[in-house]
Amino acid sequence: MKITIEIPDEEIKDAVLNVVAQQYYKNYSTDRRNVDRVVSECVRKVIYEDKERITDRIVSQASSHLKNVALKKMMEKMTED
């Protein structure tokens, strides 16, 4: 007797990632604390090294949003009065 089961690669990947994530969050250990610390340091390093570009992008997006949304609302308010 032979049974063949086909499971898509995406389902296998999702299942493995779920198991790893559950084990990671279930078992608090020094390893997990070390991983969290290293990830935190890496994120901080990336942000501080590139903070000028990140700031410029945030300001650019905010000004674009203000131009698109706030200016329209301001014009509507001015025409109401």
C-alpha atoms as a PDB file:
ATOM      1  CA  MET A   1       0.000   0.000   0.000  1.00  0.00           C
ATOM      2  CA  LYS A   2       1.310   3.404  -0.914  1.00  0.00           C
ATOM      3  CA  ILE A   3      -0.221   6.745   0.018  1.00  0.00           C
ATOM      4  CA  THR A   4       0.980   9.923  -1.642  1.00  0.00           C
ATOM      5  CA  ILE A   5       0.207  13.308  -0.166  1.00  0.00           C
ATOM      6  CA  GLU A   6       0.995  16.555  -1.915  1.00  0.00           C
ATOM      7  CA  ILE A   7       1.448  19.614   0.258  1.00  0.00           C
ATOM      8  CA  PRO A   8       2.258  22.958  -1.320  1.00  0.00           C
ATOM      9  CA  ASP A   9       5.632  24.443  -0.358  1.00  0.00           C
ATOM     10  CA  GLU A  10       3.924  27.586   0.941  1.00  0.00           C
ATOM     11  CA  GLU A  11       1.891  25.574   3.461  1.00  0.00           C
ATOM     12  CA  ILE A  12       4.999  23.756   4.684  1.00  0.00           C
ATOM     13  CA  LYS A  13       6.869  27.054   5.036  1.00  0.00           C
ATOM     14  CA  ASP A  14       3.987  28.620   6.976  1.00  0.00           C
ATOM     15  CA  ALA A  15       3.698  25.602   9.277  1.00  0.00           C
ATOM     16  CA  VAL A  16       7.436  25.572  10.027  1.00  0.00           C
ATOM     17  CA  LEU A  17       7.496  29.314  10.677  1.00  0.00           C
ATOM     18  CA  ASN A  18       4.506  28.982  13.021  1.00  0.00           C
ATOM     19  CA  VAL A  19       6.192  26.225  15.013  1.00  0.00           C
ATOM     20  CA  VAL A  20       9.442  28.191  15.283  1.00  0.00           C
ATOM     21  CA  ALA A  21       7.585  31.340  16.341  1.00  0.00           C
ATOM     22  CA  GLN A  22       5.555  29.460  18.956  1.00  0.00           C
ATOM     23  CA  GLN A  23       8.669  27.863  20.431  1.00  0.00           C
ATOM     24  CA  TYR A  24      10.462  31.195  20.410  1.00  0.00           C
ATOM     25  CA  TYR A  25       7.709  32.934  22.348  1.00  0.00           C
ATOM     26  CA  LYS A  26       6.860  29.973  24.582  1.00  0.00           C
ATOM     27  CA  ASN A  27      10.340  29.369  25.949  1.00  0.00           C
ATOM     28  CA  TYR A  28      11.822  32.492  27.490  1.00  0.00           C
ATOM     29  CA  SER A  29      15.515  31.904  27.805  1.00  0.00           C
ATOM     30  CA  THR A  30      18.860  33.627  27.706  1.00  0.00           C
ATOM     31  CA  ASP A  31      19.083  32.703  24.027  1.00  0.00           C
ATOM     32  CA  ARG A  32      15.870  34.543  23.299  1.00  0.00           C
ATOM     33  CA  ARG A  33      17.011  37.514  25.353  1.00  0.00           C
ATOM     34  CA  ASN A  34      20.299  37.553  23.422  1.00  0.00           C
ATOM     35  CA  VAL A  35      18.470  37.414  20.087  1.00  0.00           C
ATOM     36  CA  ASP A  36      16.214  40.286  21.158  1.00  0.00           C
ATOM     37  CA  ARG A  37      19.212  42.330  22.290  1.00  0.00           C
ATOM     38  CA  VAL A  38      21.159  41.740  19.076  1.00  0.00           C
ATOM     39  CA  VAL A  39      18.143  42.568  16.896  1.00  0.00           C
ATOM     40  CA  SER A  40      17.527  45.718  18.922  1.00  0.00           C
ATOM     41  CA  GLU A  41      21.151  46.818  18.562  1.00  0.00           C
ATOM     42  CA  CYS A  42      21.124  46.146  14.818  1.00  0.00           C
ATOM     43  CA  VAL A  43      17.930  48.135  14.285  1.00  0.00           C
ATOM     44  CA  ARG A  44      19.276  50.999  16.371  1.00  0.00           C
ATOM     45  CA  LYS A  45      22.562  50.946  14.410  1.00  0.00           C
ATOM     46  CA  VAL A  46      20.766  51.059  11.053  1.00  0.00           C
ATOM     47  CA  ILE A  47      18.518  53.903  12.179  1.00  0.00           C
ATOM     48  CA  TYR A  48      21.343  56.016  13.602  1.00  0.00           C
ATOM     49  CA  GLU A  49      23.613  55.448  10.589  1.00  0.00           C
ATOM     50  CA  ASP A  50      20.884  56.458   8.157  1.00  0.00           C
ATOM     51  CA  LYS A  51      18.878  58.898  10.275  1.00  0.00           C
ATOM     52  CA  GLU A  52      19.412  61.846   7.914  1.00  0.00           C
ATOM     53  CA  ARG A  53      17.873  59.980   4.970  1.00  0.00           C
ATOM     54  CA  ILE A  54      15.073  58.591   7.154  1.00  0.00           C
ATOM     55  CA  THR A  55      14.297  62.072   8.500  1.00  0.00           C
ATOM     56  CA  ASP A  56      14.291  63.549   5.002  1.00  0.00           C
ATOM     57  CA  ARG A  57      11.924  60.851   3.790  1.00  0.00           C
ATOM     58  CA  ILE A  58       9.553  61.325   6.725  1.00  0.00           C
ATOM     59  CA  VAL A  59       9.501  65.094   6.214  1.00  0.00           C
ATOM     60  CA  SER A  60       8.949  64.620   2.481  1.00  0.00           C
ATOM     61  CA  GLN A  61       6.040  62.242   3.020  1.00  0.00           C
ATOM     62  CA  ALA A  62       4.510  64.466   5.695  1.00  0.00           C
ATOM     63  CA  SER A  63       4.734  67.558   3.516  1.00  0.00           C
ATOM     64  CA  SER A  64       3.255  65.642   0.587  1.00  0.00           C
ATOM     65  CA  HIS A  65       0.385  64.486   2.795  1.00  0.00           C
ATOM     66  CA  LEU A  66      -0.165  68.019   4.064  1.00  0.00           C
ATOM     67  CA  LYS A  67      -0.190  69.310   0.527  1.00  0.00           C
ATOM     68  CA  ASN A  68      -2.688  66.716  -0.634  1.00  0.00           C
ATOM     69  CA  VAL A  69      -5.041  66.607   2.337  1.00  0.00           C
ATOM     70  CA  ALA A  70      -4.631  69.606   4.588  1.00  0.00           C
ATOM     71  CA  LEU A  71      -4.505  72.166   1.788  1.00  0.00           C
ATOM     72  CA  LYS A  72      -7.791  70.876   0.379  1.00  0.00           C
ATOM     73  CA  LYS A  73      -9.440  71.092   3.798  1.00  0.00           C
ATOM     74  CA  MET A  74      -8.057  74.573   4.342  1.00  0.00           C
ATOM     75  CA  MET A  75      -9.407  75.730   0.983  1.00  0.00           C
ATOM     76  CA  GLU A  76     -12.821  74.206   1.751  1.00  0.00           C
ATOM     77  CA  LYS A  77     -12.879  75.983   5.111  1.00  0.00           C
ATOM     78  CA  MET A  78     -11.891  79.286   3.513  1.00  0.00           C
ATOM     79  CA  THR A  79     -14.649  79.047   0.892  1.00  0.00           C
ATOM     80  CA  GLU A  80     -17.259  78.233   3.558  1.00  0.00           C
ATOM     81  CA  ASP A  81     -16.742  81.521   5.393  1.00  0.00           C
END
